[in-house]
């Protein structure tokens, strides 16, 4: 299933900047950054719950926020892209 993850981390302190880096690093492990604080992650149900739990453990609920949008397995028709950044195919080949 495709999950869209967005986050807003308070970076006024060194601890906030550290949380921001940790959250971004976890999201990179599961998906593709599509905007500064937005990731598209192609995961199964177990990976989704693990990622959600991990990110919630990192964040400070009094200062930060996370949003998870489950787009499901038939996500292709739910996404429209406009603008300068090219889109990508989450299930396409990965070139390193």
PDB file of N, CA and C in Angstrom:
ATOM      1  N   UNK A   1       0.846  -1.173   0.000  1.00  0.00           N
ATOM      2  CA  UNK A   1       0.000   0.000   0.000  1.00  0.00           C
ATOM      3  C   UNK A   1       0.889   1.232   0.000  1.00  0.00           C
ATOM      4  N   UNK A   2       0.383   2.292  -0.581  1.00  0.00           N
ATOM      5  CA  UNK A   2       1.122   3.542  -0.601  1.00  0.00           C
ATOM      6  C   UNK A   2       0.635   4.401   0.560  1.00  0.00           C
ATOM      7  N   UNK A   3       1.573   4.924   1.331  1.00  0.00           N
ATOM      8  CA  UNK A   3       1.269   5.781   2.471  1.00  0.00           C
ATOM      9  C   UNK A   3       1.983   7.105   2.260  1.00  0.00           C
ATOM     10  N   UNK A   4       1.264   8.178   2.438  1.00  0.00           N
ATOM     11  CA  UNK A   4       1.837   9.511   2.379  1.00  0.00           C
ATOM     12  C   UNK A   4       2.076   9.959   3.818  1.00  0.00           C
ATOM     13  N   UNK A   5       3.304  10.350   4.114  1.00  0.00           N
ATOM     14  CA  UNK A   5       3.660  10.788   5.466  1.00  0.00           C
ATOM     15  C   UNK A   5       4.101  12.234   5.392  1.00  0.00           C
ATOM     16  N   UNK A   6       3.484  13.063   6.222  1.00  0.00           N
ATOM     17  CA  UNK A   6       3.884  14.464   6.324  1.00  0.00           C
ATOM     18  C   UNK A   6       4.220  14.753   7.778  1.00  0.00           C
ATOM     19  N   UNK A   7       5.150  15.659   7.979  1.00  0.00           N
ATOM     20  CA  UNK A   7       5.524  15.980   9.351  1.00  0.00           C
ATOM     21  C   UNK A   7       5.910  17.437   9.482  1.00  0.00           C
ATOM     22  N   UNK A   8       5.743  17.942  10.681  1.00  0.00           N
ATOM     23  CA  UNK A   8       6.146  19.295  11.034  1.00  0.00           C
ATOM     24  C   UNK A   8       6.838  19.180  12.380  1.00  0.00           C
ATOM     25  N   UNK A   9       8.137  19.423  12.396  1.00  0.00           N
ATOM     26  CA  UNK A   9       8.930  19.284  13.611  1.00  0.00           C
ATOM     27  C   UNK A   9       9.437  20.665  14.024  1.00  0.00           C
ATOM     28  N   UNK A  10       9.243  20.993  15.281  1.00  0.00           N
ATOM     29  CA  UNK A  10       9.723  22.261  15.819  1.00  0.00           C
ATOM     30  C   UNK A  10      11.245  22.201  15.897  1.00  0.00           C
ATOM     31  N   UNK A  11      11.918  23.075  15.154  1.00  0.00           N
ATOM     32  CA  UNK A  11      13.389  23.057  15.099  1.00  0.00           C
ATOM     33  C   UNK A  11      14.025  24.268  15.768  1.00  0.00           C
ATOM     34  N   UNK A  12      13.357  24.830  16.743  1.00  0.00           N
ATOM     35  CA  UNK A  12      13.910  25.984  17.447  1.00  0.00           C
ATOM     36  C   UNK A  12      15.047  25.601  18.382  1.00  0.00           C
ATOM     37  N   UNK A  13      15.158  24.335  18.717  1.00  0.00           N
ATOM     38  CA  UNK A  13      16.219  23.865  19.607  1.00  0.00           C
ATOM     39  C   UNK A  13      17.063  22.819  18.900  1.00  0.00           C
ATOM     40  N   UNK A  14      18.222  22.514  19.468  1.00  0.00           N
ATOM     41  CA  UNK A  14      19.086  21.465  18.915  1.00  0.00           C
ATOM     42  C   UNK A  14      18.378  20.113  18.964  1.00  0.00           C
ATOM     43  N   UNK A  15      17.600  19.880  20.012  1.00  0.00           N
ATOM     44  CA  UNK A  15      16.860  18.615  20.130  1.00  0.00           C
ATOM     45  C   UNK A  15      15.822  18.497  19.015  1.00  0.00           C
ATOM     46  N   UNK A  16      15.185  19.599  18.660  1.00  0.00           N
ATOM     47  CA  UNK A  16      14.207  19.590  17.583  1.00  0.00           C
ATOM     48  C   UNK A  16      14.859  19.296  16.242  1.00  0.00           C
ATOM     49  N   UNK A  17      16.021  19.881  16.008  1.00  0.00           N
ATOM     50  CA  UNK A  17      16.753  19.618  14.764  1.00  0.00           C
ATOM     51  C   UNK A  17      17.171  18.155  14.686  1.00  0.00           C
ATOM     52  N   UNK A  18      17.534  17.581  15.821  1.00  0.00           N
ATOM     53  CA  UNK A  18      17.904  16.170  15.862  1.00  0.00           C
ATOM     54  C   UNK A  18      16.693  15.280  15.563  1.00  0.00           C
ATOM     55  N   UNK A  19      15.529  15.618  16.136  1.00  0.00           N
ATOM     56  CA  UNK A  19      14.298  14.863  15.858  1.00  0.00           C
ATOM     57  C   UNK A  19      13.955  14.931  14.371  1.00  0.00           C
ATOM     58  N   UNK A  20      14.101  16.112  13.787  1.00  0.00           N
ATOM     59  CA  UNK A  20      13.809  16.289  12.365  1.00  0.00           C
ATOM     60  C   UNK A  20      14.686  15.366  11.516  1.00  0.00           C
ATOM     61  N   UNK A  21      15.986  15.322  11.807  1.00  0.00           N
ATOM     62  CA  UNK A  21      16.900  14.450  11.057  1.00  0.00           C
ATOM     63  C   UNK A  21      16.533  12.985  11.241  1.00  0.00           C
ATOM     64  N   UNK A  22      16.175  12.594  12.467  1.00  0.00           N
ATOM     65  CA  UNK A  22      15.827  11.196  12.732  1.00  0.00           C
ATOM     66  C   UNK A  22      14.555  10.790  11.999  1.00  0.00           C
ATOM     67  N   UNK A  23      13.559  11.657  12.006  1.00  0.00           N
ATOM     68  CA  UNK A  23      12.303  11.355  11.313  1.00  0.00           C
ATOM     69  C   UNK A  23      12.547  11.246   9.811  1.00  0.00           C
ATOM     70  N   UNK A  24      13.287  12.183   9.248  1.00  0.00           N
ATOM     71  CA  UNK A  24      13.579  12.138   7.812  1.00  0.00           C
ATOM     72  C   UNK A  24      14.356  10.876   7.453  1.00  0.00           C
ATOM     73  N   UNK A  25      15.314  10.495   8.282  1.00  0.00           N
ATOM     74  CA  UNK A  25      16.120   9.292   8.014  1.00  0.00           C
ATOM     75  C   UNK A  25      15.249   8.042   8.014  1.00  0.00           C
ATOM     76  N   UNK A  26      14.333   7.944   8.952  1.00  0.00           N
ATOM     77  CA  UNK A  26      13.431   6.787   8.994  1.00  0.00           C
ATOM     78  C   UNK A  26      12.548   6.753   7.749  1.00  0.00           C
ATOM     79  N   UNK A  27      12.039   7.902   7.345  1.00  0.00           N
ATOM     80  CA  UNK A  27      11.179   7.950   6.166  1.00  0.00           C
ATOM     81  C   UNK A  27      11.952   7.580   4.899  1.00  0.00           C
ATOM     82  N   UNK A  28      13.195   8.015   4.782  1.00  0.00           N
ATOM     83  CA  UNK A  28      14.034   7.662   3.627  1.00  0.00           C
ATOM     84  C   UNK A  28      14.222   6.150   3.553  1.00  0.00           C
ATOM     85  N   UNK A  29      14.274   5.485   4.699  1.00  0.00           N
ATOM     86  CA  UNK A  29      14.445   4.037   4.722  1.00  0.00           C
ATOM     87  C   UNK A  29      13.248   3.302   4.122  1.00  0.00           C
ATOM     88  N   UNK A  30      12.102   3.947   4.065  1.00  0.00           N
ATOM     89  CA  UNK A  30      10.880   3.293   3.605  1.00  0.00           C
ATOM     90  C   UNK A  30      10.310   3.859   2.315  1.00  0.00           C
ATOM     91  N   UNK A  31      10.754   5.037   1.917  1.00  0.00           N
ATOM     92  CA  UNK A  31      10.107   5.635   0.759  1.00  0.00           C
ATOM     93  C   UNK A  31      10.898   6.730   0.099  1.00  0.00           C
ATOM     94  N   UNK A  32      10.193   7.526  -0.665  1.00  0.00           N
ATOM     95  CA  UNK A  32      10.772   8.578  -1.495  1.00  0.00           C
ATOM     96  C   UNK A  32      10.292   9.943  -0.999  1.00  0.00           C
ATOM     97  N   UNK A  33      11.247  10.863  -0.815  1.00  0.00           N
ATOM     98  CA  UNK A  33      10.885  12.238  -0.454  1.00  0.00           C
ATOM     99  C   UNK A  33      10.306  12.901  -1.695  1.00  0.00           C
ATOM    100  N   UNK A  34       9.104  13.464  -1.580  1.00  0.00           N
ATOM    101  CA  UNK A  34       8.491  14.153  -2.706  1.00  0.00           C
ATOM    102  C   UNK A  34       8.421  15.659  -2.482  1.00  0.00           C
ATOM    103  N   UNK A  35       8.510  16.093  -1.247  1.00  0.00           N
ATOM    104  CA  UNK A  35       8.664  17.499  -0.886  1.00  0.00           C
ATOM    105  C   UNK A  35       9.451  17.528   0.421  1.00  0.00           C
ATOM    106  N   UNK A  36       9.792  18.701   0.915  1.00  0.00           N
ATOM    107  CA  UNK A  36      10.676  18.786   2.080  1.00  0.00           C
ATOM    108  C   UNK A  36      10.250  17.904   3.246  1.00  0.00           C
ATOM    109  N   UNK A  37       9.036  17.954   3.646  1.00  0.00           N
ATOM    110  CA  UNK A  37       8.561  17.167   4.788  1.00  0.00           C
ATOM    111  C   UNK A  37       7.451  16.210   4.386  1.00  0.00           C
ATOM    112  N   UNK A  38       7.540  15.691   3.167  1.00  0.00           N
ATOM    113  CA  UNK A  38       6.513  14.792   2.644  1.00  0.00           C
ATOM    114  C   UNK A  38       7.186  13.594   1.980  1.00  0.00           C
ATOM    115  N   UNK A  39       6.762  12.401   2.383  1.00  0.00           N
ATOM    116  CA  UNK A  39       7.299  11.166   1.823  1.00  0.00           C
ATOM    117  C   UNK A  39       6.180  10.280   1.321  1.00  0.00           C
ATOM    118  N   UNK A  40       6.432   9.586   0.204  1.00  0.00           N
ATOM    119  CA  UNK A  40       5.556   8.532  -0.279  1.00  0.00           C
ATOM    120  C   UNK A  40       6.274   7.217   0.016  1.00  0.00           C
ATOM    121  N   UNK A  41       5.619   6.344   0.773  1.00  0.00           N
ATOM    122  CA  UNK A  41       6.226   5.078   1.194  1.00  0.00           C
ATOM    123  C   UNK A  41       5.369   3.914   0.723  1.00  0.00           C
ATOM    124  N   UNK A  42       5.985   3.002   0.001  1.00  0.00           N
ATOM    125  CA  UNK A  42       5.308   1.792  -0.458  1.00  0.00           C
ATOM    126  C   UNK A  42       5.648   0.691   0.540  1.00  0.00           C
ATOM    127  N   UNK A  43       4.671   0.339   1.389  1.00  0.00           N
ATOM    128  CA  UNK A  43       4.915  -0.586   2.504  1.00  0.00           C
ATOM    129  C   UNK A  43       3.772  -1.588   2.622  1.00  0.00           C
ATOM    130  N   UNK A  44       4.045  -2.688   3.319  1.00  0.00           N
ATOM    131  CA  UNK A  44       2.958  -3.606   3.663  1.00  0.00           C
ATOM    132  C   UNK A  44       2.414  -3.193   5.029  1.00  0.00           C
ATOM    133  N   UNK A  45       1.392  -3.869   5.504  1.00  0.00           N
ATOM    134  CA  UNK A  45       0.725  -3.475   6.751  1.00  0.00           C
ATOM    135  C   UNK A  45       1.669  -3.512   7.947  1.00  0.00           C
ATOM    136  N   UNK A  46       2.516  -4.531   8.026  1.00  0.00           N
ATOM    137  CA  UNK A  46       3.445  -4.648   9.155  1.00  0.00           C
ATOM    138  C   UNK A  46       4.489  -3.532   9.121  1.00  0.00           C
ATOM    139  N   UNK A  47       5.020  -3.246   7.948  1.00  0.00           N
ATOM    140  CA  UNK A  47       6.000  -2.161   7.825  1.00  0.00           C
ATOM    141  C   UNK A  47       5.367  -0.818   8.172  1.00  0.00           C
ATOM    142  N   UNK A  48       4.124  -0.636   7.754  1.00  0.00           N
ATOM    143  CA  UNK A  48       3.407   0.607   8.038  1.00  0.00           C
ATOM    144  C   UNK A  48       3.276   0.820   9.548  1.00  0.00           C
ATOM    145  N   UNK A  49       2.845  -0.212  10.267  1.00  0.00           N
ATOM    146  CA  UNK A  49       2.683  -0.090  11.720  1.00  0.00           C
ATOM    147  C   UNK A  49       4.024   0.135  12.409  1.00  0.00           C
ATOM    148  N   UNK A  50       5.074  -0.543  11.941  1.00  0.00           N
ATOM    149  CA  UNK A  50       6.402  -0.368  12.522  1.00  0.00           C
ATOM    150  C   UNK A  50       6.913   1.050  12.287  1.00  0.00           C
ATOM    151  N   UNK A  51       6.765   1.540  11.060  1.00  0.00           N
ATOM    152  CA  UNK A  51       7.208   2.902  10.747  1.00  0.00           C
ATOM    153  C   UNK A  51       6.424   3.924  11.552  1.00  0.00           C
ATOM    154  N   UNK A  52       5.124   3.743  11.629  1.00  0.00           N
ATOM    155  CA  UNK A  52       4.280   4.666  12.392  1.00  0.00           C
ATOM    156  C   UNK A  52       4.709   4.688  13.862  1.00  0.00           C
ATOM    157  N   UNK A  53       4.931   3.520  14.438  1.00  0.00           N
ATOM    158  CA  UNK A  53       5.362   3.429  15.831  1.00  0.00           C
ATOM    159  C   UNK A  53       6.725   4.099  16.028  1.00  0.00           C
ATOM    160  N   UNK A  54       7.657   3.831  15.128  1.00  0.00           N
ATOM    161  CA  UNK A  54       9.002   4.402  15.238  1.00  0.00           C
ATOM    162  C   UNK A  54       8.965   5.922  15.171  1.00  0.00           C
ATOM    163  N   UNK A  55       8.215   6.459  14.223  1.00  0.00           N
ATOM    164  CA  UNK A  55       8.136   7.919  14.087  1.00  0.00           C
ATOM    165  C   UNK A  55       7.458   8.561  15.293  1.00  0.00           C
ATOM    166  N   UNK A  56       6.427   7.916  15.804  1.00  0.00           N
ATOM    167  CA  UNK A  56       5.740   8.462  16.987  1.00  0.00           C
ATOM    168  C   UNK A  56       6.634   8.427  18.224  1.00  0.00           C
ATOM    169  N   UNK A  57       7.539   7.465  18.281  1.00  0.00           N
ATOM    170  CA  UNK A  57       8.502   7.405  19.391  1.00  0.00           C
ATOM    171  C   UNK A  57       9.523   8.538  19.300  1.00  0.00           C
ATOM    172  N   UNK A  58       9.877   8.939  18.085  1.00  0.00           N
ATOM    173  CA  UNK A  58      10.879   9.995  17.883  1.00  0.00           C
ATOM    174  C   UNK A  58      10.300  11.374  18.154  1.00  0.00           C
ATOM    175  N   UNK A  59       9.085  11.610  17.694  1.00  0.00           N
ATOM    176  CA  UNK A  59       8.497  12.955  17.787  1.00  0.00           C
ATOM    177  C   UNK A  59       8.201  13.372  19.226  1.00  0.00           C
ATOM    178  N   UNK A  60       8.087  14.668  19.428  1.00  0.00           N
ATOM    179  CA  UNK A  60       7.631  15.231  20.701  1.00  0.00           C
ATOM    180  C   UNK A  60       6.190  15.670  20.468  1.00  0.00           C
ATOM    181  N   UNK A  61       5.201  14.957  21.022  1.00  0.00           N
ATOM    182  CA  UNK A  61       3.799  15.269  20.724  1.00  0.00           C
ATOM    183  C   UNK A  61       3.362  16.664  21.165  1.00  0.00           C
ATOM    184  N   UNK A  62       4.105  17.293  22.045  1.00  0.00           N
ATOM    185  CA  UNK A  62       3.771  18.650  22.468  1.00  0.00           C
ATOM    186  C   UNK A  62       4.278  19.713  21.509  1.00  0.00           C
ATOM    187  N   UNK A  63       5.218  19.333  20.624  1.00  0.00           N
ATOM    188  CA  UNK A  63       5.836  20.311  19.727  1.00  0.00           C
ATOM    189  C   UNK A  63       5.723  19.953  18.245  1.00  0.00           C
ATOM    190  N   UNK A  64       5.610  18.684  17.940  1.00  0.00           N
ATOM    191  CA  UNK A  64       5.677  18.208  16.555  1.00  0.00           C
ATOM    192  C   UNK A  64       4.351  17.585  16.131  1.00  0.00           C
ATOM    193  N   UNK A  65       4.210  17.377  14.830  1.00  0.00           N
ATOM    194  CA  UNK A  65       3.027  16.660  14.344  1.00  0.00           C
ATOM    195  C   UNK A  65       3.414  15.754  13.179  1.00  0.00           C
ATOM    196  N   UNK A  66       2.722  14.638  13.096  1.00  0.00           N
ATOM    197  CA  UNK A  66       2.863  13.668  12.014  1.00  0.00           C
ATOM    198  C   UNK A  66       1.474  13.403  11.438  1.00  0.00           C
ATOM    199  N   UNK A  67       1.403  13.214  10.117  1.00  0.00           N
ATOM    200  CA  UNK A  67       0.148  12.839   9.479  1.00  0.00           C
ATOM    201  C   UNK A  67       0.436  11.681   8.543  1.00  0.00           C
ATOM    202  N   UNK A  68      -0.417  10.668   8.581  1.00  0.00           N
ATOM    203  CA  UNK A  68      -0.287   9.482   7.748  1.00  0.00           C
ATOM    204  C   UNK A  68      -1.548   9.370   6.895  1.00  0.00           C
ATOM    205  N   UNK A  69      -1.381   9.303   5.584  1.00  0.00           N
ATOM    206  CA  UNK A  69      -2.493   9.140   4.661  1.00  0.00           C
ATOM    207  C   UNK A  69      -2.320   7.803   3.945  1.00  0.00           C
ATOM    208  N   UNK A  70      -3.202   6.875   4.175  1.00  0.00           N
ATOM    209  CA  UNK A  70      -3.142   5.577   3.513  1.00  0.00           C
ATOM    210  C   UNK A  70      -3.873   5.668   2.185  1.00  0.00           C
ATOM    211  N   UNK A  71      -3.125   5.555   1.105  1.00  0.00           N
ATOM    212  CA  UNK A  71      -3.711   5.642  -0.224  1.00  0.00           C
ATOM    213  C   UNK A  71      -4.056   4.268  -0.781  1.00  0.00           C
ATOM    214  N   UNK A  72      -3.635   3.222  -0.097  1.00  0.00           N
ATOM    215  CA  UNK A  72      -4.008   1.868  -0.483  1.00  0.00           C
ATOM    216  C   UNK A  72      -3.169   1.302  -1.612  1.00  0.00           C
ATOM    217  N   UNK A  73      -3.663   0.197  -2.189  1.00  0.00           N
ATOM    218  CA  UNK A  73      -2.942  -0.489  -3.255  1.00  0.00           C
ATOM    219  C   UNK A  73      -3.264   0.067  -4.639  1.00  0.00           C
ATOM    220  N   UNK A  74      -4.377   0.735  -4.771  1.00  0.00           N
ATOM    221  CA  UNK A  74      -4.763   1.308  -6.066  1.00  0.00           C
ATOM    222  C   UNK A  74      -4.588   2.828  -6.027  1.00  0.00           C
ATOM    223  N   UNK A  75      -3.400   3.223  -5.698  1.00  0.00           N
ATOM    224  CA  UNK A  75      -3.102   4.630  -5.479  1.00  0.00           C
ATOM    225  C   UNK A  75      -2.899   5.417  -6.770  1.00  0.00           C
ATOM    226  N   UNK A  76      -2.613   4.745  -7.893  1.00  0.00           N
ATOM    227  CA  UNK A  76      -2.263   5.439  -9.127  1.00  0.00           C
ATOM    228  C   UNK A  76      -3.310   6.475  -9.536  1.00  0.00           C
ATOM    229  N   UNK A  77      -4.572   6.166  -9.349  1.00  0.00           N
ATOM    230  CA  UNK A  77      -5.644   7.066  -9.772  1.00  0.00           C
ATOM    231  C   UNK A  77      -5.959   8.128  -8.718  1.00  0.00           C
ATOM    232  N   UNK A  78      -5.294   8.051  -7.573  1.00  0.00           N
ATOM    233  CA  UNK A  78      -5.554   9.011  -6.499  1.00  0.00           C
ATOM    234  C   UNK A  78      -4.517  10.133  -6.461  1.00  0.00           C
ATOM    235  N   UNK A  79      -3.499  10.041  -7.321  1.00  0.00           N
ATOM    236  CA  UNK A  79      -2.413  11.013  -7.302  1.00  0.00           C
ATOM    237  C   UNK A  79      -2.407  11.800  -8.603  1.00  0.00           C
ATOM    238  N   UNK A  80      -2.409  13.117  -8.470  1.00  0.00           N
ATOM    239  CA  UNK A  80      -2.237  14.004  -9.610  1.00  0.00           C
ATOM    240  C   UNK A  80      -1.045  14.891  -9.297  1.00  0.00           C
ATOM    241  N   UNK A  81      -0.162  15.062 -10.252  1.00  0.00           N
ATOM    242  CA  UNK A  81       1.038  15.867 -10.031  1.00  0.00           C
ATOM    243  C   UNK A  81       1.082  16.994 -11.045  1.00  0.00           C
ATOM    244  N   UNK A  82       1.349  18.204 -10.567  1.00  0.00           N
ATOM    245  CA  UNK A  82       1.504  19.376 -11.415  1.00  0.00           C
ATOM    246  C   UNK A  82       2.758  20.105 -10.964  1.00  0.00           C
ATOM    247  N   UNK A  83       3.481  20.675 -11.869  1.00  0.00           N
ATOM    248  CA  UNK A  83       4.627  21.477 -11.487  1.00  0.00           C
ATOM    249  C   UNK A  83       5.946  20.935 -11.990  1.00  0.00           C
ATOM    250  N   UNK A  84       7.004  21.532 -11.481  1.00  0.00           N
ATOM    251  CA  UNK A  84       8.337  21.336 -12.039  1.00  0.00           C
ATOM    252  C   UNK A  84       9.015  20.026 -11.663  1.00  0.00           C
ATOM    253  N   UNK A  85       8.773  19.490 -10.493  1.00  0.00           N
ATOM    254  CA  UNK A  85       9.467  18.273 -10.086  1.00  0.00           C
ATOM    255  C   UNK A  85       8.839  17.071 -10.786  1.00  0.00           C
ATOM    256  N   UNK A  86       9.651  16.262 -11.436  1.00  0.00           N
ATOM    257  CA  UNK A  86       9.072  15.100 -12.122  1.00  0.00           C
ATOM    258  C   UNK A  86       8.533  14.078 -11.133  1.00  0.00           C
ATOM    259  N   UNK A  87       7.479  13.418 -11.541  1.00  0.00           N
ATOM    260  CA  UNK A  87       6.901  12.357 -10.726  1.00  0.00           C
ATOM    261  C   UNK A  87       7.747  11.107 -10.892  1.00  0.00           C
ATOM    262  N   UNK A  88       7.498  10.111 -10.093  1.00  0.00           N
ATOM    263  CA  UNK A  88       8.230   8.853 -10.187  1.00  0.00           C
ATOM    264  C   UNK A  88       7.257   7.714  -9.979  1.00  0.00           C
ATOM    265  N   UNK A  89       7.662   6.526 -10.372  1.00  0.00           N
ATOM    266  CA  UNK A  89       6.836   5.328 -10.191  1.00  0.00           C
ATOM    267  C   UNK A  89       7.337   4.572  -8.966  1.00  0.00           C
ATOM    268  N   UNK A  90       6.581   4.540  -7.857  1.00  0.00           N
ATOM    269  CA  UNK A  90       7.046   3.888  -6.637  1.00  0.00           C
ATOM    270  C   UNK A  90       7.421   2.413  -6.831  1.00  0.00           C
ATOM    271  N   UNK A  91       6.755   1.751  -7.758  1.00  0.00           N
ATOM    272  CA  UNK A  91       7.048   0.341  -7.989  1.00  0.00           C
ATOM    273  C   UNK A  91       8.014   0.125  -9.141  1.00  0.00           C
ATOM    274  N   UNK A  92       8.512   1.218  -9.717  1.00  0.00           N
ATOM    275  CA  UNK A  92       9.443   1.131 -10.830  1.00  0.00           C
ATOM    276  C   UNK A  92      10.842   0.753 -10.372  1.00  0.00           C
ATOM    277  N   UNK A  93      11.775   0.641 -11.308  1.00  0.00           N
ATOM    278  CA  UNK A  93      13.136   0.251 -10.958  1.00  0.00           C
ATOM    279  C   UNK A  93      13.829   1.329 -10.136  1.00  0.00           C
ATOM    280  N   UNK A  94      14.672   0.893  -9.223  1.00  0.00           N
ATOM    281  CA  UNK A  94      15.443   1.797  -8.369  1.00  0.00           C
ATOM    282  C   UNK A  94      16.874   1.777  -8.848  1.00  0.00           C
ATOM    283  N   UNK A  95      17.399   2.925  -9.242  1.00  0.00           N
ATOM    284  CA  UNK A  95      18.769   3.037  -9.729  1.00  0.00           C
ATOM    285  C   UNK A  95      19.584   3.752  -8.672  1.00  0.00           C
ATOM    286  N   UNK A  96      20.649   3.120  -8.233  1.00  0.00           N
ATOM    287  CA  UNK A  96      21.522   3.722  -7.221  1.00  0.00           C
ATOM    288  C   UNK A  96      22.778   4.266  -7.829  1.00  0.00           C
TER     289      UNK A  96
END
